[in-house]
Amino acid sequence: MSSVININNIDVIFENKDEQIFCTSLDIAKVFGKRHDDVLKSIRNILNELREIGASNELRNFAETYRNTEIRGFGKVKGKTRKDRCYNLTRDAFTLLAMGFTGKKALQFKIAFINAFNQMEQIIKNKEIEKIKQLKHYDLPDTPYKEKIANAIKEIEQKQNSKFIELIEYEIVEKFKNGKTQVLQKLNFKTKLI
């Protein structure tokens, strides 16, 4: 899941993966008006210092990655893409990096980024609350596939414009073939038309 939040008239992409919210060093450089190579240098310095003080568990907050960027130009290069090295930074990584940025403008941008991280956390929390409500609403048995069953019921409710009444039976088969796992499900439940 990702959200675009405007900071300093720049669309910043905040992504959520594995319960972690992050933004990229490229977006941070744009918002703070810094050269990206300078931001990368600051990140490398932070990473080295974290290693030196033995705080290696903090290194996971900085994930090196690449972003495809369209080349603006003319001739043979126009419209082609290049891979730009950057880092995905969690809230903690952003905080460590932004501590080095000073001045009133930098303070405004820090606050805007912190608010954006808070906004993303609230979106995730609301989705989790909604998921829990949905699972309770269907009164399903405890199973590792409870969420899959609830999603299948919700999908059928929407397609048939009906309301779930009760789960009669379900069958879940997990298949592993050619290096891939596949979950097959058969559900039998009652619904009533709305």
N, C-alpha and C. Protein backbone atom coordinates (compact mmCIF):
# COMPACT_ATOMS: atom_id res chain seq x y z
N MET A 1 0.84 -1.17 0.00
CA MET A 1 0.00 0.00 0.00
C MET A 1 0.89 1.24 0.00
N SER A 2 0.51 2.21 -0.79
CA SER A 2 1.27 3.45 -0.79
C SER A 2 0.32 4.64 -0.83
N SER A 3 0.79 5.76 -0.33
CA SER A 3 0.04 7.00 -0.35
C SER A 3 0.97 8.12 -0.79
N VAL A 4 0.40 9.05 -1.52
CA VAL A 4 1.16 10.22 -1.95
C VAL A 4 0.73 11.39 -1.08
N ILE A 5 1.70 12.01 -0.42
CA ILE A 5 1.43 13.14 0.45
C ILE A 5 2.28 14.31 -0.03
N ASN A 6 1.64 15.46 -0.20
CA ASN A 6 2.32 16.63 -0.73
C ASN A 6 3.03 17.37 0.40
N ILE A 7 4.34 17.52 0.25
CA ILE A 7 5.16 18.27 1.21
C ILE A 7 5.99 19.27 0.42
N ASN A 8 5.84 20.56 0.73
CA ASN A 8 6.59 21.61 0.04
C ASN A 8 6.35 21.55 -1.47
N ASN A 9 5.10 21.33 -1.86
CA ASN A 9 4.69 21.25 -3.27
C ASN A 9 5.36 20.10 -4.03
N ILE A 10 5.78 19.09 -3.31
CA ILE A 10 6.39 17.90 -3.92
C ILE A 10 5.60 16.68 -3.46
N ASP A 11 5.18 15.85 -4.41
CA ASP A 11 4.47 14.63 -4.07
C ASP A 11 5.46 13.59 -3.56
N VAL A 12 5.31 13.24 -2.29
CA VAL A 12 6.20 12.27 -1.65
C VAL A 12 5.43 10.96 -1.50
N ILE A 13 6.05 9.88 -1.95
CA ILE A 13 5.41 8.56 -1.87
C ILE A 13 5.82 7.90 -0.56
N PHE A 14 4.82 7.58 0.26
CA PHE A 14 5.03 6.82 1.49
C PHE A 14 4.46 5.43 1.24
N GLU A 15 5.28 4.42 1.49
CA GLU A 15 4.85 3.04 1.25
C GLU A 15 4.81 2.27 2.55
N ASN A 16 3.96 1.24 2.56
CA ASN A 16 3.84 0.36 3.70
C ASN A 16 4.16 -1.05 3.24
N LYS A 17 5.16 -1.65 3.85
CA LYS A 17 5.52 -3.02 3.51
C LYS A 17 5.94 -3.72 4.80
N ASP A 18 5.36 -4.87 5.05
CA ASP A 18 5.68 -5.65 6.25
C ASP A 18 5.55 -4.82 7.52
N GLU A 19 4.44 -4.09 7.62
CA GLU A 19 4.16 -3.28 8.82
C GLU A 19 5.14 -2.13 9.03
N GLN A 20 5.93 -1.78 8.01
CA GLN A 20 6.87 -0.66 8.09
C GLN A 20 6.48 0.40 7.08
N ILE A 21 6.51 1.64 7.50
CA ILE A 21 6.24 2.77 6.61
C ILE A 21 7.58 3.37 6.24
N PHE A 22 7.74 3.68 4.95
CA PHE A 22 9.00 4.29 4.53
C PHE A 22 8.79 5.25 3.38
N CYS A 23 9.77 6.15 3.22
CA CYS A 23 9.85 7.05 2.07
C CYS A 23 11.27 6.91 1.53
N THR A 24 11.54 7.53 0.39
CA THR A 24 12.87 7.35 -0.21
C THR A 24 13.77 8.56 0.03
N SER A 25 15.05 8.30 -0.05
CA SER A 25 16.04 9.38 0.07
C SER A 25 15.89 10.37 -1.08
N LEU A 26 15.41 9.91 -2.23
CA LEU A 26 15.20 10.81 -3.38
C LEU A 26 14.16 11.87 -3.03
N ASP A 27 13.04 11.42 -2.42
CA ASP A 27 11.99 12.38 -2.05
C ASP A 27 12.46 13.31 -0.94
N ILE A 28 13.21 12.78 0.00
CA ILE A 28 13.73 13.63 1.08
C ILE A 28 14.64 14.72 0.50
N ALA A 29 15.50 14.35 -0.43
CA ALA A 29 16.40 15.32 -1.06
C ALA A 29 15.61 16.41 -1.78
N LYS A 30 14.56 16.01 -2.51
CA LYS A 30 13.74 17.01 -3.23
C LYS A 30 13.09 17.98 -2.27
N VAL A 31 12.44 17.46 -1.22
CA VAL A 31 11.72 18.33 -0.28
C VAL A 31 12.66 19.28 0.44
N PHE A 32 13.81 18.79 0.89
CA PHE A 32 14.74 19.63 1.63
C PHE A 32 15.63 20.47 0.72
N GLY A 33 15.47 20.32 -0.61
CA GLY A 33 16.25 21.11 -1.56
C GLY A 33 17.74 20.77 -1.52
N LYS A 34 18.04 19.50 -1.34
CA LYS A 34 19.44 19.06 -1.27
C LYS A 34 19.76 18.18 -2.46
N ARG A 35 21.03 18.12 -2.82
CA ARG A 35 21.46 17.21 -3.89
C ARG A 35 21.35 15.79 -3.35
N HIS A 36 20.85 14.89 -4.19
CA HIS A 36 20.66 13.51 -3.72
C HIS A 36 21.99 12.85 -3.35
N ASP A 37 23.05 13.16 -4.09
CA ASP A 37 24.34 12.55 -3.74
C ASP A 37 24.82 13.01 -2.36
N ASP A 38 24.46 14.24 -1.96
CA ASP A 38 24.81 14.71 -0.62
C ASP A 38 24.00 13.96 0.45
N VAL A 39 22.73 13.70 0.14
CA VAL A 39 21.89 12.94 1.07
C VAL A 39 22.42 11.51 1.20
N LEU A 40 22.82 10.92 0.07
CA LEU A 40 23.40 9.56 0.10
C LEU A 40 24.67 9.54 0.95
N LYS A 41 25.48 10.58 0.81
CA LYS A 41 26.72 10.67 1.60
C LYS A 41 26.39 10.74 3.10
N SER A 42 25.38 11.53 3.45
CA SER A 42 24.96 11.63 4.85
C SER A 42 24.47 10.27 5.37
N ILE A 43 23.72 9.56 4.53
CA ILE A 43 23.22 8.23 4.93
C ILE A 43 24.38 7.27 5.14
N ARG A 44 25.34 7.28 4.22
CA ARG A 44 26.51 6.39 4.37
C ARG A 44 27.27 6.71 5.66
N ASN A 45 27.39 8.00 5.98
CA ASN A 45 28.07 8.39 7.23
C ASN A 45 27.30 7.87 8.45
N ILE A 46 25.98 8.00 8.41
CA ILE A 46 25.15 7.50 9.52
C ILE A 46 25.32 5.99 9.66
N LEU A 47 25.28 5.27 8.53
CA LEU A 47 25.42 3.81 8.56
C LEU A 47 26.77 3.41 9.15
N ASN A 48 27.83 4.11 8.74
CA ASN A 48 29.17 3.82 9.28
C ASN A 48 29.22 4.08 10.79
N GLU A 49 28.63 5.19 11.21
CA GLU A 49 28.64 5.53 12.64
C GLU A 49 27.81 4.54 13.44
N LEU A 50 26.70 4.07 12.88
CA LEU A 50 25.88 3.06 13.57
C LEU A 50 26.68 1.77 13.77
N ARG A 51 27.44 1.40 12.75
CA ARG A 51 28.29 0.20 12.87
C ARG A 51 29.37 0.40 13.94
N GLU A 52 29.97 1.60 13.94
CA GLU A 52 31.05 1.90 14.88
C GLU A 52 30.59 1.84 16.34
N ILE A 53 29.36 2.30 16.60
CA ILE A 53 28.87 2.31 17.98
C ILE A 53 28.15 1.01 18.35
N GLY A 54 28.09 0.07 17.40
CA GLY A 54 27.48 -1.23 17.69
C GLY A 54 25.96 -1.23 17.65
N ALA A 55 25.37 -0.27 16.96
CA ALA A 55 23.91 -0.19 16.84
C ALA A 55 23.45 -0.80 15.52
N SER A 56 23.94 -1.99 15.23
CA SER A 56 23.66 -2.61 13.93
C SER A 56 22.18 -2.95 13.73
N ASN A 57 21.40 -3.05 14.83
CA ASN A 57 19.97 -3.30 14.66
C ASN A 57 19.26 -2.12 14.00
N GLU A 58 19.85 -0.95 14.06
CA GLU A 58 19.27 0.24 13.42
C GLU A 58 19.50 0.25 11.90
N LEU A 59 20.45 -0.56 11.43
CA LEU A 59 20.77 -0.58 9.99
C LEU A 59 19.58 -1.01 9.15
N ARG A 60 18.70 -1.84 9.72
CA ARG A 60 17.54 -2.33 8.95
C ARG A 60 16.55 -1.22 8.61
N ASN A 61 16.69 -0.07 9.25
CA ASN A 61 15.82 1.07 8.95
C ASN A 61 16.22 1.79 7.66
N PHE A 62 17.36 1.40 7.11
CA PHE A 62 17.87 1.97 5.85
C PHE A 62 17.98 0.83 4.85
N ALA A 63 17.12 0.78 3.85
CA ALA A 63 17.16 -0.30 2.86
C ALA A 63 17.59 0.26 1.51
N GLU A 64 18.75 -0.18 1.04
CA GLU A 64 19.24 0.29 -0.26
C GLU A 64 18.37 -0.31 -1.36
N THR A 65 17.99 0.52 -2.32
CA THR A 65 17.14 0.08 -3.42
C THR A 65 17.42 0.95 -4.65
N TYR A 66 16.62 0.77 -5.68
CA TYR A 66 16.76 1.56 -6.90
C TYR A 66 15.39 2.02 -7.35
N ARG A 67 15.35 3.19 -7.98
CA ARG A 67 14.10 3.69 -8.55
C ARG A 67 14.37 4.01 -10.01
N ASN A 68 13.48 3.55 -10.88
CA ASN A 68 13.61 3.85 -12.31
C ASN A 68 13.19 5.29 -12.56
N THR A 69 14.02 6.02 -13.26
CA THR A 69 13.76 7.42 -13.57
C THR A 69 13.83 7.61 -15.08
N GLU A 70 12.82 8.29 -15.62
CA GLU A 70 12.83 8.57 -17.06
C GLU A 70 13.86 9.66 -17.34
N ILE A 71 14.67 9.42 -18.38
CA ILE A 71 15.71 10.38 -18.75
C ILE A 71 15.07 11.47 -19.60
N ARG A 72 15.25 12.70 -19.15
CA ARG A 72 14.77 13.84 -19.94
C ARG A 72 15.92 14.33 -20.77
N GLY A 73 15.73 14.38 -22.01
CA GLY A 73 16.81 14.80 -22.89
C GLY A 73 16.32 14.79 -24.31
N PHE A 74 17.22 14.55 -25.21
CA PHE A 74 16.83 14.50 -26.61
C PHE A 74 17.66 13.44 -27.30
N GLY A 75 17.28 13.16 -28.52
CA GLY A 75 18.02 12.16 -29.29
C GLY A 75 17.75 10.76 -28.79
N LYS A 76 18.80 9.95 -28.76
CA LYS A 76 18.67 8.53 -28.43
C LYS A 76 18.30 8.27 -26.97
N VAL A 77 18.63 9.18 -26.07
CA VAL A 77 18.38 8.94 -24.65
C VAL A 77 16.98 9.35 -24.21
N LYS A 78 16.32 10.22 -24.97
CA LYS A 78 15.01 10.73 -24.56
C LYS A 78 14.02 9.57 -24.39
N GLY A 79 13.33 9.58 -23.24
CA GLY A 79 12.31 8.58 -22.97
C GLY A 79 12.84 7.28 -22.40
N LYS A 80 14.15 7.10 -22.36
CA LYS A 80 14.72 5.89 -21.77
C LYS A 80 14.74 6.05 -20.25
N THR A 81 14.96 4.95 -19.56
CA THR A 81 15.01 5.02 -18.11
C THR A 81 16.38 4.61 -17.59
N ARG A 82 16.69 5.11 -16.41
CA ARG A 82 17.92 4.71 -15.74
C ARG A 82 17.55 4.33 -14.31
N LYS A 83 18.39 3.51 -13.71
CA LYS A 83 18.16 3.11 -12.32
C LYS A 83 18.95 4.05 -11.41
N ASP A 84 18.23 4.74 -10.53
CA ASP A 84 18.88 5.62 -9.56
C ASP A 84 18.94 4.91 -8.21
N ARG A 85 20.14 4.83 -7.66
CA ARG A 85 20.31 4.23 -6.35
C ARG A 85 19.72 5.17 -5.30
N CYS A 86 19.02 4.60 -4.34
CA CYS A 86 18.45 5.40 -3.26
C CYS A 86 18.24 4.49 -2.05
N TYR A 87 17.71 5.04 -1.00
CA TYR A 87 17.41 4.27 0.21
C TYR A 87 15.95 4.45 0.56
N ASN A 88 15.32 3.36 1.01
CA ASN A 88 14.02 3.45 1.66
C ASN A 88 14.31 3.68 3.13
N LEU A 89 13.71 4.72 3.69
CA LEU A 89 13.96 5.08 5.08
C LEU A 89 12.68 4.96 5.90
N THR A 90 12.78 4.23 7.02
CA THR A 90 11.66 4.17 7.96
C THR A 90 11.61 5.50 8.72
N ARG A 91 10.60 5.63 9.59
CA ARG A 91 10.49 6.84 10.40
C ARG A 91 11.78 7.05 11.22
N ASP A 92 12.31 5.98 11.80
CA ASP A 92 13.52 6.10 12.61
C ASP A 92 14.72 6.54 11.77
N ALA A 93 14.85 5.97 10.59
CA ALA A 93 15.96 6.35 9.70
C ALA A 93 15.81 7.81 9.27
N PHE A 94 14.58 8.20 8.93
CA PHE A 94 14.33 9.60 8.56
C PHE A 94 14.75 10.52 9.70
N THR A 95 14.36 10.15 10.92
CA THR A 95 14.68 10.99 12.09
C THR A 95 16.19 11.14 12.25
N LEU A 96 16.92 10.02 12.14
CA LEU A 96 18.38 10.09 12.26
C LEU A 96 18.98 10.99 11.18
N LEU A 97 18.49 10.88 9.95
CA LEU A 97 19.00 11.69 8.85
C LEU A 97 18.63 13.16 9.03
N ALA A 98 17.36 13.42 9.34
CA ALA A 98 16.87 14.80 9.39
C ALA A 98 17.42 15.59 10.57
N MET A 99 17.93 14.90 11.59
CA MET A 99 18.54 15.62 12.72
C MET A 99 19.69 16.50 12.25
N GLY A 100 20.32 16.12 11.16
CA GLY A 100 21.45 16.90 10.63
C GLY A 100 21.02 18.09 9.79
N PHE A 101 19.74 18.19 9.47
CA PHE A 101 19.24 19.31 8.66
C PHE A 101 18.82 20.42 9.62
N THR A 102 19.34 21.64 9.41
CA THR A 102 19.06 22.73 10.33
C THR A 102 18.38 23.89 9.63
N GLY A 103 17.84 24.80 10.42
CA GLY A 103 17.19 25.99 9.91
C GLY A 103 15.67 25.90 10.03
N LYS A 104 15.01 27.06 9.87
CA LYS A 104 13.55 27.12 10.02
C LYS A 104 12.83 26.31 8.95
N LYS A 105 13.29 26.42 7.71
CA LYS A 105 12.67 25.67 6.61
C LYS A 105 12.79 24.17 6.87
N ALA A 106 13.99 23.75 7.27
CA ALA A 106 14.22 22.33 7.55
C ALA A 106 13.29 21.86 8.66
N LEU A 107 13.10 22.69 9.68
CA LEU A 107 12.21 22.33 10.78
C LEU A 107 10.78 22.15 10.27
N GLN A 108 10.34 23.05 9.38
CA GLN A 108 8.99 22.92 8.80
C GLN A 108 8.85 21.60 8.05
N PHE A 109 9.86 21.24 7.27
CA PHE A 109 9.80 20.00 6.48
C PHE A 109 9.86 18.77 7.38
N LYS A 110 10.65 18.85 8.46
CA LYS A 110 10.72 17.73 9.41
C LYS A 110 9.33 17.48 10.01
N ILE A 111 8.68 18.56 10.42
CA ILE A 111 7.34 18.45 11.00
C ILE A 111 6.37 17.87 9.97
N ALA A 112 6.47 18.32 8.72
CA ALA A 112 5.59 17.81 7.66
C ALA A 112 5.81 16.32 7.43
N PHE A 113 7.07 15.88 7.43
CA PHE A 113 7.37 14.45 7.27
C PHE A 113 6.84 13.64 8.45
N ILE A 114 7.04 14.14 9.66
CA ILE A 114 6.56 13.44 10.85
C ILE A 114 5.04 13.31 10.79
N ASN A 115 4.36 14.39 10.40
CA ASN A 115 2.90 14.33 10.25
C ASN A 115 2.48 13.32 9.19
N ALA A 116 3.23 13.24 8.11
CA ALA A 116 2.93 12.28 7.04
C ALA A 116 3.10 10.84 7.55
N PHE A 117 4.18 10.59 8.30
CA PHE A 117 4.36 9.26 8.89
C PHE A 117 3.20 8.93 9.83
N ASN A 118 2.78 9.91 10.65
CA ASN A 118 1.66 9.70 11.56
C ASN A 118 0.38 9.40 10.79
N GLN A 119 0.16 10.12 9.70
CA GLN A 119 -1.02 9.91 8.87
C GLN A 119 -1.03 8.49 8.30
N MET A 120 0.11 8.03 7.81
CA MET A 120 0.20 6.67 7.27
C MET A 120 -0.06 5.63 8.36
N GLU A 121 0.49 5.85 9.55
CA GLU A 121 0.26 4.91 10.66
C GLU A 121 -1.22 4.83 11.00
N GLN A 122 -1.91 5.97 10.96
CA GLN A 122 -3.35 5.99 11.26
C GLN A 122 -4.14 5.24 10.19
N ILE A 123 -3.76 5.39 8.93
CA ILE A 123 -4.42 4.67 7.84
C ILE A 123 -4.27 3.17 8.06
N ILE A 124 -3.07 2.73 8.39
CA ILE A 124 -2.82 1.30 8.62
C ILE A 124 -3.62 0.81 9.82
N LYS A 125 -3.62 1.59 10.91
CA LYS A 125 -4.36 1.22 12.11
C LYS A 125 -5.85 1.08 11.80
N ASN A 126 -6.40 2.03 11.03
CA ASN A 126 -7.82 1.98 10.66
C ASN A 126 -8.14 0.75 9.83
N LYS A 127 -7.24 0.38 8.92
CA LYS A 127 -7.45 -0.82 8.10
C LYS A 127 -7.44 -2.07 8.97
N GLU A 128 -6.54 -2.12 9.96
CA GLU A 128 -6.47 -3.27 10.87
C GLU A 128 -7.74 -3.36 11.70
N ILE A 129 -8.23 -2.22 12.19
CA ILE A 129 -9.46 -2.20 12.98
C ILE A 129 -10.63 -2.69 12.13
N GLU A 130 -10.69 -2.24 10.88
CA GLU A 130 -11.75 -2.66 9.96
C GLU A 130 -11.67 -4.17 9.72
N LYS A 131 -10.47 -4.69 9.56
CA LYS A 131 -10.27 -6.13 9.34
C LYS A 131 -10.77 -6.93 10.55
N ILE A 132 -10.44 -6.45 11.74
CA ILE A 132 -10.87 -7.14 12.97
C ILE A 132 -12.39 -7.10 13.09
N LYS A 133 -12.99 -5.94 12.81
CA LYS A 133 -14.46 -5.82 12.85
C LYS A 133 -15.11 -6.80 11.88
N GLN A 134 -14.55 -6.88 10.68
CA GLN A 134 -15.09 -7.77 9.66
C GLN A 134 -15.02 -9.23 10.13
N LEU A 135 -13.89 -9.63 10.69
CA LEU A 135 -13.74 -11.01 11.16
C LEU A 135 -14.72 -11.31 12.29
N LYS A 136 -14.91 -10.35 13.20
CA LYS A 136 -15.87 -10.55 14.30
C LYS A 136 -17.29 -10.61 13.76
N HIS A 137 -17.59 -9.78 12.78
CA HIS A 137 -18.93 -9.72 12.19
C HIS A 137 -19.34 -11.07 11.61
N TYR A 138 -18.41 -11.75 10.98
CA TYR A 138 -18.72 -13.03 10.35
C TYR A 138 -18.72 -14.19 11.34
N ASP A 139 -18.22 -13.99 12.55
CA ASP A 139 -18.19 -15.03 13.58
C ASP A 139 -17.62 -16.34 13.03
N LEU A 140 -16.40 -16.26 12.55
CA LEU A 140 -15.74 -17.41 11.93
C LEU A 140 -14.90 -18.17 12.95
N PRO A 141 -14.69 -19.47 12.70
CA PRO A 141 -13.84 -20.24 13.62
C PRO A 141 -12.38 -19.79 13.52
N ASP A 142 -11.64 -20.02 14.59
CA ASP A 142 -10.22 -19.67 14.58
C ASP A 142 -9.45 -20.63 13.68
N THR A 143 -8.82 -20.08 12.69
CA THR A 143 -8.03 -20.84 11.73
C THR A 143 -7.01 -19.90 11.12
N PRO A 144 -5.86 -20.39 10.70
CA PRO A 144 -4.89 -19.50 10.04
C PRO A 144 -5.44 -18.87 8.76
N TYR A 145 -6.53 -19.43 8.23
CA TYR A 145 -7.11 -18.93 6.98
C TYR A 145 -8.35 -18.08 7.21
N LYS A 146 -8.56 -17.64 8.44
CA LYS A 146 -9.75 -16.87 8.80
C LYS A 146 -9.92 -15.64 7.89
N GLU A 147 -8.83 -14.96 7.64
CA GLU A 147 -8.89 -13.75 6.80
C GLU A 147 -9.24 -14.10 5.36
N LYS A 148 -8.69 -15.19 4.83
CA LYS A 148 -9.02 -15.63 3.46
C LYS A 148 -10.50 -15.98 3.34
N ILE A 149 -11.03 -16.66 4.36
CA ILE A 149 -12.45 -17.03 4.35
C ILE A 149 -13.31 -15.77 4.38
N ALA A 150 -12.96 -14.82 5.25
CA ALA A 150 -13.72 -13.57 5.36
C ALA A 150 -13.69 -12.80 4.04
N ASN A 151 -12.54 -12.76 3.38
CA ASN A 151 -12.44 -12.06 2.09
C ASN A 151 -13.30 -12.72 1.03
N ALA A 152 -13.34 -14.06 1.02
CA ALA A 152 -14.18 -14.79 0.05
C ALA A 152 -15.66 -14.51 0.30
N ILE A 153 -16.05 -14.49 1.57
CA ILE A 153 -17.45 -14.20 1.92
C ILE A 153 -17.80 -12.78 1.49
N LYS A 154 -16.94 -11.84 1.80
CA LYS A 154 -17.19 -10.43 1.45
C LYS A 154 -17.33 -10.27 -0.07
N GLU A 155 -16.48 -10.96 -0.82
CA GLU A 155 -16.53 -10.89 -2.29
C GLU A 155 -17.87 -11.42 -2.81
N ILE A 156 -18.33 -12.54 -2.27
CA ILE A 156 -19.61 -13.11 -2.71
C ILE A 156 -20.77 -12.22 -2.29
N GLU A 157 -20.70 -11.65 -1.10
CA GLU A 157 -21.74 -10.71 -0.65
C GLU A 157 -21.88 -9.56 -1.65
N GLN A 158 -20.76 -9.02 -2.09
CA GLN A 158 -20.78 -7.90 -3.02
C GLN A 158 -21.30 -8.31 -4.39
N LYS A 159 -20.85 -9.47 -4.89
CA LYS A 159 -21.27 -9.94 -6.22
C LYS A 159 -22.77 -10.24 -6.25
N GLN A 160 -23.27 -10.86 -5.19
CA GLN A 160 -24.66 -11.30 -5.17
C GLN A 160 -25.58 -10.31 -4.47
N ASN A 161 -25.03 -9.20 -4.01
CA ASN A 161 -25.81 -8.21 -3.26
C ASN A 161 -26.59 -8.90 -2.14
N SER A 162 -25.86 -9.66 -1.33
CA SER A 162 -26.48 -10.44 -0.27
C SER A 162 -25.73 -10.22 1.04
N LYS A 163 -26.27 -10.80 2.11
CA LYS A 163 -25.68 -10.66 3.43
C LYS A 163 -25.39 -12.04 4.01
N PHE A 164 -24.21 -12.22 4.57
CA PHE A 164 -23.79 -13.48 5.18
C PHE A 164 -24.66 -13.80 6.39
N ILE A 165 -25.08 -15.06 6.50
CA ILE A 165 -25.85 -15.50 7.67
C ILE A 165 -25.01 -16.44 8.53
N GLU A 166 -24.56 -17.55 7.95
CA GLU A 166 -23.75 -18.48 8.73
C GLU A 166 -22.85 -19.32 7.85
N LEU A 167 -21.75 -19.73 8.42
CA LEU A 167 -20.82 -20.62 7.74
C LEU A 167 -21.22 -22.05 8.06
N ILE A 168 -21.48 -22.83 7.02
CA ILE A 168 -21.89 -24.21 7.22
C ILE A 168 -20.65 -25.10 7.26
N GLU A 169 -19.80 -24.96 6.27
CA GLU A 169 -18.56 -25.72 6.25
C GLU A 169 -17.56 -25.03 5.33
N TYR A 170 -16.30 -25.37 5.52
CA TYR A 170 -15.27 -24.89 4.62
C TYR A 170 -14.20 -25.95 4.49
N GLU A 171 -13.51 -25.89 3.35
CA GLU A 171 -12.40 -26.80 3.11
C GLU A 171 -11.27 -25.97 2.52
N ILE A 172 -10.10 -26.11 3.09
CA ILE A 172 -8.94 -25.37 2.60
C ILE A 172 -7.85 -26.39 2.30
N VAL A 173 -7.31 -26.30 1.10
CA VAL A 173 -6.23 -27.20 0.69
C VAL A 173 -5.04 -26.34 0.29
N GLU A 174 -3.90 -26.64 0.86
CA GLU A 174 -2.68 -25.92 0.50
C GLU A 174 -1.84 -26.85 -0.36
N LYS A 175 -1.56 -26.40 -1.60
CA LYS A 175 -0.78 -27.21 -2.54
C LYS A 175 0.57 -26.57 -2.78
N PHE A 176 1.58 -27.41 -2.84
CA PHE A 176 2.92 -26.94 -3.20
C PHE A 176 3.34 -27.69 -4.44
N LYS A 177 3.58 -26.92 -5.53
CA LYS A 177 3.95 -27.55 -6.79
C LYS A 177 4.87 -26.60 -7.55
N ASN A 178 5.94 -27.16 -8.12
CA ASN A 178 6.89 -26.37 -8.92
C ASN A 178 7.41 -25.14 -8.17
N GLY A 179 7.65 -25.30 -6.89
CA GLY A 179 8.22 -24.21 -6.11
C GLY A 179 7.23 -23.14 -5.70
N LYS A 180 5.93 -23.36 -5.95
CA LYS A 180 4.92 -22.36 -5.61
C LYS A 180 3.87 -22.98 -4.69
N THR A 181 3.42 -22.19 -3.73
CA THR A 181 2.35 -22.62 -2.83
C THR A 181 1.05 -22.01 -3.31
N GLN A 182 0.01 -22.82 -3.33
CA GLN A 182 -1.30 -22.35 -3.77
C GLN A 182 -2.32 -22.79 -2.72
N VAL A 183 -3.22 -21.89 -2.33
CA VAL A 183 -4.26 -22.21 -1.37
C VAL A 183 -5.58 -22.27 -2.11
N LEU A 184 -6.23 -23.43 -2.04
CA LEU A 184 -7.53 -23.63 -2.67
C LEU A 184 -8.58 -23.69 -1.57
N GLN A 185 -9.69 -23.02 -1.77
CA GLN A 185 -10.71 -23.04 -0.73
C GLN A 185 -12.09 -23.33 -1.31
N LYS A 186 -12.85 -24.08 -0.54
CA LYS A 186 -14.25 -24.35 -0.88
C LYS A 186 -15.06 -23.92 0.33
N LEU A 187 -16.01 -23.05 0.10
CA LEU A 187 -16.84 -22.56 1.20
C LEU A 187 -18.29 -22.91 0.94
N ASN A 188 -18.99 -23.22 1.99
CA ASN A 188 -20.42 -23.46 1.92
C ASN A 188 -21.03 -22.64 3.05
N PHE A 189 -21.79 -21.61 2.68
CA PHE A 189 -22.40 -20.78 3.71
C PHE A 189 -23.73 -20.24 3.21
N LYS A 190 -24.56 -19.79 4.15
CA LYS A 190 -25.87 -19.24 3.83
C LYS A 190 -25.77 -17.73 3.70
N THR A 191 -26.52 -17.21 2.73
CA THR A 191 -26.64 -15.75 2.60
C THR A 191 -28.11 -15.43 2.37
N LYS A 192 -28.46 -14.19 2.57
CA LYS A 192 -29.81 -13.74 2.21
C LYS A 192 -29.68 -12.50 1.36
N LEU A 193 -30.59 -12.33 0.42
CA LEU A 193 -30.56 -11.16 -0.46
C LEU A 193 -30.89 -9.91 0.32
N ILE A 194 -30.24 -8.83 -0.05
CA ILE A 194 -30.49 -7.55 0.63
C ILE A 194 -31.68 -6.88 0.00
